[in-house]
Amino acid sequence: MHLRLKHAQKKPEKPHLKHGADKAASRRGERGYSLMELLVALAIMAILASLVAPRLFNQVDRSKVSAARAQARSLKTSMDAMRLDMGRYPTQEEGLSLLVKPPSDTAVSSLWFGPYLDGDLPNDPWGNPYFYVAPGQNEGGVFVSPKIISYGADNKEGGDGMNADISV
């Protein structure tokens, strides 16, 4: 049996592909996106992001208020547990630190079975410390329970919206 080998034939050059404009025309069949298509897509995404972002940021702000309220309640619950052990809430001088550090008074430190929190005292969601107001009596002689306060985003007493005080 005799095999015939064909000689590799050179494809003839297409004369119309030699010029720059013609080369660009031949690339139209290639895959990919033009710069204009990419810019239009980016512009559409920027418009959508500008419409959606404010709503997302408002949701983040509302979640910070909810988180501050939940953290303050958790601190209050820990103080109630400490009160069951010690028979009293922290004084204004002892403050919230009594939840994680034993009192300096040796007579009272034997009643302290803390720490009553895991880790250190948390800051509010805006990075500011919580404030503690010791229990006492109001003008009518009625017992007022202790308060844990976050002064909100501005960390100043009073305010509205994100700057409103959160008290438990």
N, C-alpha and C. Protein backbone atom coordinates (compact mmCIF):
# COMPACT_ATOMS: atom_id res chain seq x y z
N MET A 1 0.83 -1.15 0.00
CA MET A 1 0.00 0.00 0.00
C MET A 1 0.89 1.24 0.00
N HIS A 2 0.51 2.10 -0.76
CA HIS A 2 1.32 3.28 -0.96
C HIS A 2 0.56 4.50 -0.48
N LEU A 3 1.15 5.25 0.49
CA LEU A 3 0.51 6.45 1.02
C LEU A 3 1.04 7.67 0.31
N ARG A 4 0.16 8.53 0.05
CA ARG A 4 0.55 9.78 -0.56
C ARG A 4 0.56 10.89 0.48
N LEU A 5 1.58 11.60 0.61
CA LEU A 5 1.68 12.72 1.53
C LEU A 5 1.36 13.99 0.78
N LYS A 6 0.48 14.70 1.35
CA LYS A 6 0.17 15.98 0.75
C LYS A 6 1.11 17.02 1.32
N HIS A 7 1.55 17.84 0.49
CA HIS A 7 2.40 18.93 0.95
C HIS A 7 1.52 19.99 1.58
N ALA A 8 1.99 20.54 2.72
CA ALA A 8 1.23 21.59 3.39
C ALA A 8 1.11 22.76 2.44
N GLN A 9 -0.09 23.09 2.22
CA GLN A 9 -0.31 24.21 1.32
C GLN A 9 -0.44 25.48 2.14
N LYS A 10 0.20 26.49 1.67
CA LYS A 10 0.16 27.77 2.32
C LYS A 10 -1.13 28.47 1.91
N LYS A 11 -1.84 28.98 2.92
CA LYS A 11 -3.09 29.68 2.60
C LYS A 11 -2.74 31.00 1.94
N PRO A 12 -3.48 31.33 0.96
CA PRO A 12 -3.19 32.62 0.31
C PRO A 12 -3.58 33.77 1.24
N GLU A 13 -2.76 34.78 1.26
CA GLU A 13 -3.05 35.95 2.07
C GLU A 13 -4.23 36.69 1.49
N LYS A 14 -5.02 37.21 2.37
CA LYS A 14 -6.16 37.98 1.91
C LYS A 14 -5.71 39.43 1.80
N PRO A 15 -5.74 39.96 0.66
CA PRO A 15 -5.20 41.31 0.47
C PRO A 15 -5.99 42.36 1.23
N HIS A 16 -7.24 42.14 1.51
CA HIS A 16 -8.03 43.16 2.18
C HIS A 16 -7.73 43.25 3.68
N LEU A 17 -6.95 42.33 4.26
CA LEU A 17 -6.62 42.36 5.68
C LEU A 17 -5.30 43.07 5.97
N LYS A 18 -4.69 43.61 4.98
CA LYS A 18 -3.39 44.23 5.19
C LYS A 18 -3.50 45.64 5.73
N HIS A 19 -4.59 46.30 5.59
CA HIS A 19 -4.72 47.67 6.03
C HIS A 19 -5.34 47.72 7.42
N GLY A 20 -5.00 48.76 8.23
CA GLY A 20 -5.46 48.89 9.62
C GLY A 20 -6.96 48.89 9.77
N ALA A 21 -7.66 49.61 8.96
CA ALA A 21 -9.12 49.69 9.06
C ALA A 21 -9.74 48.34 8.77
N ASP A 22 -9.15 47.64 7.84
CA ASP A 22 -9.68 46.32 7.49
C ASP A 22 -9.43 45.32 8.61
N LYS A 23 -8.30 45.48 9.33
CA LYS A 23 -8.02 44.58 10.45
C LYS A 23 -9.06 44.77 11.55
N ALA A 24 -9.43 46.00 11.82
CA ALA A 24 -10.45 46.27 12.83
C ALA A 24 -11.77 45.67 12.41
N ALA A 25 -12.07 45.75 11.14
CA ALA A 25 -13.32 45.17 10.64
C ALA A 25 -13.31 43.66 10.80
N SER A 26 -12.14 43.03 10.68
CA SER A 26 -12.09 41.58 10.79
C SER A 26 -12.23 41.13 12.24
N ARG A 27 -11.96 42.03 13.22
CA ARG A 27 -12.06 41.66 14.63
C ARG A 27 -13.49 41.70 15.14
N ARG A 28 -14.38 42.16 14.37
CA ARG A 28 -15.76 42.25 14.83
C ARG A 28 -16.32 40.88 15.19
N GLY A 29 -15.84 39.87 14.60
CA GLY A 29 -16.30 38.52 14.89
C GLY A 29 -15.66 37.95 16.15
N GLU A 30 -14.62 38.61 16.69
CA GLU A 30 -13.94 38.10 17.88
C GLU A 30 -14.78 38.37 19.13
N ARG A 31 -14.54 37.57 20.18
CA ARG A 31 -15.27 37.75 21.43
C ARG A 31 -14.63 38.85 22.25
N GLY A 32 -15.47 39.52 23.09
CA GLY A 32 -14.96 40.57 23.96
C GLY A 32 -15.87 41.77 23.93
N TYR A 33 -15.57 42.73 24.80
CA TYR A 33 -16.38 43.93 24.90
C TYR A 33 -15.55 45.14 24.54
N SER A 34 -16.18 46.07 23.96
CA SER A 34 -15.47 47.31 23.62
C SER A 34 -15.40 48.20 24.85
N LEU A 35 -14.56 49.18 24.78
CA LEU A 35 -14.41 50.13 25.89
C LEU A 35 -15.73 50.86 26.14
N MET A 36 -16.43 51.20 25.10
CA MET A 36 -17.71 51.91 25.25
C MET A 36 -18.72 51.03 25.98
N GLU A 37 -18.77 49.76 25.66
CA GLU A 37 -19.71 48.86 26.35
C GLU A 37 -19.37 48.75 27.83
N LEU A 38 -18.10 48.69 28.15
CA LEU A 38 -17.68 48.62 29.55
C LEU A 38 -18.03 49.90 30.29
N LEU A 39 -17.84 51.05 29.67
CA LEU A 39 -18.17 52.31 30.31
C LEU A 39 -19.67 52.45 30.55
N VAL A 40 -20.47 52.01 29.61
CA VAL A 40 -21.93 52.06 29.79
C VAL A 40 -22.34 51.16 30.95
N ALA A 41 -21.76 49.96 31.02
CA ALA A 41 -22.09 49.03 32.12
C ALA A 41 -21.68 49.63 33.46
N LEU A 42 -20.51 50.25 33.53
CA LEU A 42 -20.07 50.88 34.78
C LEU A 42 -20.98 52.04 35.16
N ALA A 43 -21.42 52.82 34.21
CA ALA A 43 -22.32 53.93 34.49
C ALA A 43 -23.64 53.42 35.05
N ILE A 44 -24.17 52.35 34.50
CA ILE A 44 -25.42 51.77 35.00
C ILE A 44 -25.24 51.27 36.43
N MET A 45 -24.12 50.60 36.70
CA MET A 45 -23.87 50.11 38.06
C MET A 45 -23.71 51.27 39.04
N ALA A 46 -23.09 52.36 38.63
CA ALA A 46 -22.92 53.51 39.52
C ALA A 46 -24.27 54.14 39.84
N ILE A 47 -25.15 54.23 38.86
CA ILE A 47 -26.48 54.78 39.10
C ILE A 47 -27.25 53.90 40.07
N LEU A 48 -27.20 52.59 39.87
CA LEU A 48 -27.89 51.67 40.78
C LEU A 48 -27.32 51.77 42.20
N ALA A 49 -26.01 51.85 42.31
CA ALA A 49 -25.39 51.95 43.64
C ALA A 49 -25.79 53.24 44.34
N SER A 50 -25.90 54.33 43.59
CA SER A 50 -26.29 55.60 44.21
C SER A 50 -27.74 55.57 44.69
N LEU A 51 -28.56 54.73 44.09
CA LEU A 51 -29.94 54.60 44.54
C LEU A 51 -30.08 53.67 45.73
N VAL A 52 -29.27 52.63 45.79
CA VAL A 52 -29.39 51.61 46.84
C VAL A 52 -28.58 51.96 48.09
N ALA A 53 -27.44 52.59 47.95
CA ALA A 53 -26.54 52.84 49.08
C ALA A 53 -27.19 53.61 50.23
N PRO A 54 -27.94 54.68 49.99
CA PRO A 54 -28.54 55.39 51.13
C PRO A 54 -29.47 54.50 51.96
N ARG A 55 -30.19 53.64 51.30
CA ARG A 55 -31.08 52.73 52.05
C ARG A 55 -30.27 51.76 52.90
N LEU A 56 -29.16 51.28 52.36
CA LEU A 56 -28.32 50.36 53.13
C LEU A 56 -27.72 51.06 54.34
N PHE A 57 -27.26 52.29 54.16
CA PHE A 57 -26.66 53.02 55.27
C PHE A 57 -27.68 53.34 56.35
N ASN A 58 -28.91 53.63 55.97
CA ASN A 58 -29.96 53.84 56.96
C ASN A 58 -30.21 52.58 57.76
N GLN A 59 -30.16 51.44 57.10
CA GLN A 59 -30.36 50.17 57.78
C GLN A 59 -29.22 49.91 58.77
N VAL A 60 -27.99 50.24 58.39
CA VAL A 60 -26.84 50.07 59.28
C VAL A 60 -27.02 50.95 60.51
N ASP A 61 -27.48 52.18 60.32
CA ASP A 61 -27.69 53.09 61.45
C ASP A 61 -28.76 52.55 62.40
N ARG A 62 -29.85 52.04 61.84
CA ARG A 62 -30.91 51.47 62.69
C ARG A 62 -30.40 50.25 63.44
N SER A 63 -29.56 49.46 62.79
CA SER A 63 -29.04 48.27 63.47
C SER A 63 -28.10 48.65 64.61
N LYS A 64 -27.40 49.77 64.50
CA LYS A 64 -26.54 50.23 65.61
C LYS A 64 -27.39 50.61 66.82
N VAL A 65 -28.51 51.26 66.59
CA VAL A 65 -29.41 51.61 67.69
C VAL A 65 -29.93 50.34 68.37
N SER A 66 -30.33 49.36 67.56
CA SER A 66 -30.83 48.09 68.11
C SER A 66 -29.73 47.36 68.88
N ALA A 67 -28.51 47.37 68.34
CA ALA A 67 -27.39 46.71 69.02
C ALA A 67 -27.07 47.40 70.34
N ALA A 68 -27.11 48.73 70.37
CA ALA A 68 -26.84 49.46 71.62
C ALA A 68 -27.89 49.12 72.67
N ARG A 69 -29.15 49.06 72.26
CA ARG A 69 -30.23 48.73 73.20
C ARG A 69 -30.04 47.30 73.74
N ALA A 70 -29.70 46.36 72.86
CA ALA A 70 -29.50 44.97 73.29
C ALA A 70 -28.29 44.84 74.22
N GLN A 71 -27.21 45.55 73.91
CA GLN A 71 -26.03 45.50 74.78
C GLN A 71 -26.32 46.10 76.15
N ALA A 72 -27.05 47.20 76.18
CA ALA A 72 -27.38 47.84 77.45
C ALA A 72 -28.26 46.90 78.28
N ARG A 73 -29.19 46.21 77.65
CA ARG A 73 -30.02 45.24 78.38
C ARG A 73 -29.17 44.10 78.93
N SER A 74 -28.20 43.66 78.14
CA SER A 74 -27.31 42.58 78.60
C SER A 74 -26.49 43.04 79.80
N LEU A 75 -26.00 44.27 79.77
CA LEU A 75 -25.26 44.80 80.93
C LEU A 75 -26.17 44.88 82.15
N LYS A 76 -27.40 45.29 81.95
CA LYS A 76 -28.36 45.38 83.06
C LYS A 76 -28.63 43.99 83.64
N THR A 77 -28.78 42.99 82.79
CA THR A 77 -28.99 41.62 83.25
C THR A 77 -27.79 41.13 84.06
N SER A 78 -26.60 41.45 83.60
CA SER A 78 -25.39 41.07 84.35
C SER A 78 -25.34 41.77 85.70
N MET A 79 -25.78 43.03 85.74
CA MET A 79 -25.83 43.75 87.02
C MET A 79 -26.86 43.13 87.96
N ASP A 80 -27.97 42.67 87.41
CA ASP A 80 -28.98 42.01 88.26
C ASP A 80 -28.42 40.71 88.85
N ALA A 81 -27.64 39.97 88.06
CA ALA A 81 -27.01 38.74 88.57
C ALA A 81 -26.01 39.09 89.67
N MET A 82 -25.25 40.14 89.50
CA MET A 82 -24.29 40.57 90.51
C MET A 82 -25.02 41.02 91.78
N ARG A 83 -26.14 41.68 91.61
CA ARG A 83 -26.92 42.13 92.77
C ARG A 83 -27.42 40.94 93.59
N LEU A 84 -27.78 39.85 92.91
CA LEU A 84 -28.20 38.65 93.65
C LEU A 84 -27.08 38.11 94.51
N ASP A 85 -25.84 38.19 94.02
CA ASP A 85 -24.68 37.71 94.79
C ASP A 85 -24.31 38.68 95.91
N MET A 86 -24.23 39.95 95.59
CA MET A 86 -23.70 40.93 96.54
C MET A 86 -24.78 41.60 97.40
N GLY A 87 -26.01 41.54 96.98
CA GLY A 87 -27.08 42.18 97.73
C GLY A 87 -27.25 43.66 97.41
N ARG A 88 -26.52 44.17 96.42
CA ARG A 88 -26.63 45.58 96.05
C ARG A 88 -26.10 45.77 94.63
N TYR A 89 -26.49 46.91 94.06
CA TYR A 89 -25.95 47.32 92.76
C TYR A 89 -24.64 48.07 92.99
N PRO A 90 -23.84 48.26 91.96
CA PRO A 90 -22.61 49.05 92.13
C PRO A 90 -22.93 50.49 92.52
N THR A 91 -22.03 51.09 93.27
CA THR A 91 -22.16 52.51 93.58
C THR A 91 -21.76 53.30 92.34
N GLN A 92 -22.00 54.60 92.37
CA GLN A 92 -21.61 55.44 91.23
C GLN A 92 -20.10 55.39 91.03
N GLU A 93 -19.34 55.33 92.12
CA GLU A 93 -17.88 55.28 92.02
C GLU A 93 -17.40 53.96 91.42
N GLU A 94 -18.04 52.85 91.82
CA GLU A 94 -17.64 51.54 91.29
C GLU A 94 -18.03 51.41 89.82
N GLY A 95 -19.20 51.87 89.49
CA GLY A 95 -19.66 51.87 88.11
C GLY A 95 -19.75 50.49 87.49
N LEU A 96 -19.74 50.46 86.18
CA LEU A 96 -19.87 49.21 85.44
C LEU A 96 -18.64 48.32 85.55
N SER A 97 -17.52 48.90 85.95
CA SER A 97 -16.29 48.10 86.08
C SER A 97 -16.43 47.00 87.12
N LEU A 98 -17.38 47.14 88.04
CA LEU A 98 -17.60 46.11 89.05
C LEU A 98 -18.09 44.80 88.41
N LEU A 99 -18.57 44.87 87.19
CA LEU A 99 -19.00 43.65 86.50
C LEU A 99 -17.82 42.77 86.09
N VAL A 100 -16.65 43.37 85.94
CA VAL A 100 -15.48 42.59 85.50
C VAL A 100 -14.33 42.59 86.50
N LYS A 101 -14.33 43.51 87.48
CA LYS A 101 -13.26 43.58 88.47
C LYS A 101 -13.86 43.54 89.87
N PRO A 102 -13.26 42.78 90.78
CA PRO A 102 -13.81 42.71 92.14
C PRO A 102 -13.68 44.05 92.86
N PRO A 103 -14.56 44.29 93.82
CA PRO A 103 -14.48 45.55 94.56
C PRO A 103 -13.22 45.61 95.42
N SER A 104 -12.76 46.81 95.68
CA SER A 104 -11.56 46.98 96.50
C SER A 104 -11.85 46.75 97.98
N ASP A 105 -13.08 46.93 98.41
CA ASP A 105 -13.48 46.71 99.80
C ASP A 105 -13.48 45.21 100.08
N THR A 106 -12.63 44.76 101.01
CA THR A 106 -12.49 43.32 101.29
C THR A 106 -13.75 42.72 101.88
N ALA A 107 -14.54 43.49 102.63
CA ALA A 107 -15.78 42.97 103.21
C ALA A 107 -16.78 42.63 102.12
N VAL A 108 -16.77 43.38 101.06
CA VAL A 108 -17.73 43.17 99.96
C VAL A 108 -17.16 42.21 98.92
N SER A 109 -15.83 42.15 98.76
CA SER A 109 -15.23 41.33 97.72
C SER A 109 -15.47 39.84 97.94
N SER A 110 -15.74 39.43 99.19
CA SER A 110 -16.04 38.01 99.43
C SER A 110 -17.41 37.63 98.88
N LEU A 111 -18.26 38.61 98.63
CA LEU A 111 -19.59 38.36 98.07
C LEU A 111 -19.60 38.43 96.54
N TRP A 112 -18.51 38.90 95.97
CA TRP A 112 -18.41 39.07 94.51
C TRP A 112 -17.98 37.75 93.88
N PHE A 113 -18.78 37.19 92.99
CA PHE A 113 -18.47 35.92 92.34
C PHE A 113 -18.31 36.09 90.83
N GLY A 114 -17.81 37.25 90.45
CA GLY A 114 -17.66 37.56 89.03
C GLY A 114 -16.40 36.97 88.44
N PRO A 115 -16.05 37.35 87.28
CA PRO A 115 -16.65 38.42 86.49
C PRO A 115 -18.03 38.03 85.95
N TYR A 116 -18.84 39.02 85.79
CA TYR A 116 -20.21 38.82 85.34
C TYR A 116 -20.37 39.06 83.84
N LEU A 117 -19.27 39.37 83.19
CA LEU A 117 -19.23 39.52 81.72
C LEU A 117 -18.06 38.73 81.18
N ASP A 118 -18.20 38.24 79.97
CA ASP A 118 -17.07 37.62 79.29
C ASP A 118 -16.22 38.72 78.68
N GLY A 119 -14.97 38.79 79.06
CA GLY A 119 -14.09 39.81 78.51
C GLY A 119 -14.26 41.14 79.21
N ASP A 120 -13.84 42.20 78.54
CA ASP A 120 -13.91 43.55 79.09
C ASP A 120 -15.29 44.15 78.89
N LEU A 121 -15.48 45.32 79.49
CA LEU A 121 -16.72 46.05 79.27
C LEU A 121 -16.81 46.45 77.80
N PRO A 122 -17.94 46.21 77.17
CA PRO A 122 -18.07 46.60 75.76
C PRO A 122 -18.32 48.10 75.63
N ASN A 123 -17.93 48.64 74.50
CA ASN A 123 -18.32 50.00 74.14
C ASN A 123 -19.60 49.92 73.33
N ASP A 124 -20.28 51.04 73.21
CA ASP A 124 -21.49 51.04 72.38
C ASP A 124 -21.08 50.91 70.91
N PRO A 125 -22.03 50.69 70.01
CA PRO A 125 -21.68 50.48 68.60
C PRO A 125 -20.94 51.64 67.94
N TRP A 126 -20.95 52.82 68.56
CA TRP A 126 -20.23 53.97 68.02
C TRP A 126 -18.84 54.10 68.64
N GLY A 127 -18.45 53.12 69.48
CA GLY A 127 -17.11 53.11 70.08
C GLY A 127 -16.98 53.90 71.36
N ASN A 128 -18.09 54.34 71.93
CA ASN A 128 -18.07 55.13 73.17
C ASN A 128 -18.45 54.25 74.36
N PRO A 129 -17.96 54.57 75.55
CA PRO A 129 -18.32 53.76 76.72
C PRO A 129 -19.78 54.00 77.14
N TYR A 130 -20.36 52.98 77.74
CA TYR A 130 -21.69 53.14 78.34
C TYR A 130 -21.53 53.88 79.66
N PHE A 131 -22.54 54.66 80.01
CA PHE A 131 -22.53 55.40 81.26
C PHE A 131 -23.46 54.72 82.25
N TYR A 132 -23.09 54.80 83.51
CA TYR A 132 -23.85 54.15 84.58
C TYR A 132 -24.37 55.21 85.54
N VAL A 133 -25.64 55.10 85.89
CA VAL A 133 -26.23 55.95 86.91
C VAL A 133 -26.70 55.03 88.03
N ALA A 134 -26.11 55.19 89.21
CA ALA A 134 -26.41 54.31 90.35
C ALA A 134 -27.87 54.48 90.79
N PRO A 135 -28.41 53.44 91.41
CA PRO A 135 -29.79 53.55 91.90
C PRO A 135 -29.89 54.55 93.03
N GLY A 136 -31.08 55.03 93.25
CA GLY A 136 -31.30 55.99 94.32
C GLY A 136 -32.78 56.21 94.51
N GLN A 137 -33.11 57.33 95.08
CA GLN A 137 -34.51 57.69 95.31
C GLN A 137 -34.79 59.00 94.61
N ASN A 138 -35.98 59.09 94.03
CA ASN A 138 -36.36 60.35 93.40
C ASN A 138 -36.90 61.32 94.44
N GLU A 139 -37.41 62.46 94.01
CA GLU A 139 -37.89 63.48 94.94
C GLU A 139 -39.02 62.98 95.83
N GLY A 140 -39.81 62.04 95.35
CA GLY A 140 -40.94 61.50 96.13
C GLY A 140 -40.54 60.36 97.03
N GLY A 141 -39.25 60.03 97.07
CA GLY A 141 -38.78 58.95 97.92
C GLY A 141 -38.96 57.57 97.30
N VAL A 142 -39.29 57.51 96.03
CA VAL A 142 -39.48 56.23 95.35
C VAL A 142 -38.14 55.73 94.82
N PHE A 143 -37.88 54.42 94.99
CA PHE A 143 -36.64 53.81 94.52
C PHE A 143 -36.55 53.92 93.00
N VAL A 144 -35.41 54.35 92.52
CA VAL A 144 -35.15 54.43 91.09
C VAL A 144 -34.05 53.43 90.77
N SER A 145 -34.33 52.52 89.86
CA SER A 145 -33.36 51.47 89.51
C SER A 145 -32.17 52.08 88.77
N PRO A 146 -31.05 51.36 88.73
CA PRO A 146 -29.88 51.89 88.03
C PRO A 146 -30.15 52.00 86.53
N LYS A 147 -29.42 52.86 85.89
CA LYS A 147 -29.58 53.08 84.45
C LYS A 147 -28.24 52.89 83.76
N ILE A 148 -28.33 52.30 82.57
CA ILE A 148 -27.18 52.19 81.70
C ILE A 148 -27.53 52.99 80.46
N ILE A 149 -26.64 53.91 80.09
CA ILE A 149 -26.96 54.87 79.04
C ILE A 149 -25.88 54.88 77.97
N SER A 150 -26.34 54.91 76.71
CA SER A 150 -25.48 55.24 75.57
C SER A 150 -25.99 56.57 75.05
N TYR A 151 -25.09 57.50 74.83
CA TYR A 151 -25.50 58.82 74.36
C TYR A 151 -25.62 58.89 72.84
N GLY A 152 -25.64 57.76 72.18
CA GLY A 152 -25.88 57.73 70.74
C GLY A 152 -24.65 58.08 69.92
N ALA A 153 -24.89 58.35 68.65
CA ALA A 153 -23.79 58.57 67.71
C ALA A 153 -22.95 59.79 68.03
N ASP A 154 -23.58 60.84 68.57
CA ASP A 154 -22.82 62.06 68.86
C ASP A 154 -22.17 62.05 70.24
N ASN A 155 -22.49 61.05 71.07
CA ASN A 155 -21.93 60.90 72.42
C ASN A 155 -22.19 62.13 73.28
N LYS A 156 -23.34 62.76 73.05
CA LYS A 156 -23.75 63.92 73.85
C LYS A 156 -25.15 63.67 74.37
N GLU A 157 -25.42 64.20 75.54
CA GLU A 157 -26.73 64.02 76.16
C GLU A 157 -27.81 64.67 75.29
N GLY A 158 -28.94 63.95 75.16
CA GLY A 158 -30.04 64.45 74.34
C GLY A 158 -29.83 64.09 72.88
N GLY A 159 -30.66 64.66 72.03
CA GLY A 159 -30.51 64.43 70.59
C GLY A 159 -31.70 63.69 70.02
N ASP A 160 -31.72 63.63 68.70
CA ASP A 160 -32.79 62.97 67.96
C ASP A 160 -32.19 61.95 67.01
N GLY A 161 -33.01 61.01 66.60
CA GLY A 161 -32.57 60.02 65.61
C GLY A 161 -31.38 59.22 66.07
N MET A 162 -30.32 59.23 65.28
CA MET A 162 -29.10 58.48 65.63
C MET A 162 -28.39 59.07 66.85
N ASN A 163 -28.65 60.32 67.14
CA ASN A 163 -28.00 60.99 68.28
C ASN A 163 -28.82 60.86 69.57
N ALA A 164 -29.96 60.21 69.52
CA ALA A 164 -30.82 60.08 70.70
C ALA A 164 -30.16 59.17 71.73
N ASP A 165 -30.40 59.47 73.01
CA ASP A 165 -29.88 58.66 74.09
C ASP A 165 -30.64 57.33 74.16
N ILE A 166 -29.90 56.28 74.52
CA ILE A 166 -30.50 54.96 74.70
C ILE A 166 -30.29 54.61 76.16
N SER A 167 -31.38 54.43 76.89
CA SER A 167 -31.31 54.21 78.33
C SER A 167 -32.09 52.96 78.70
N VAL A 168 -31.48 52.13 79.51
CA VAL A 168 -32.13 50.92 80.00
C VAL A 168 -32.03 50.91 81.51
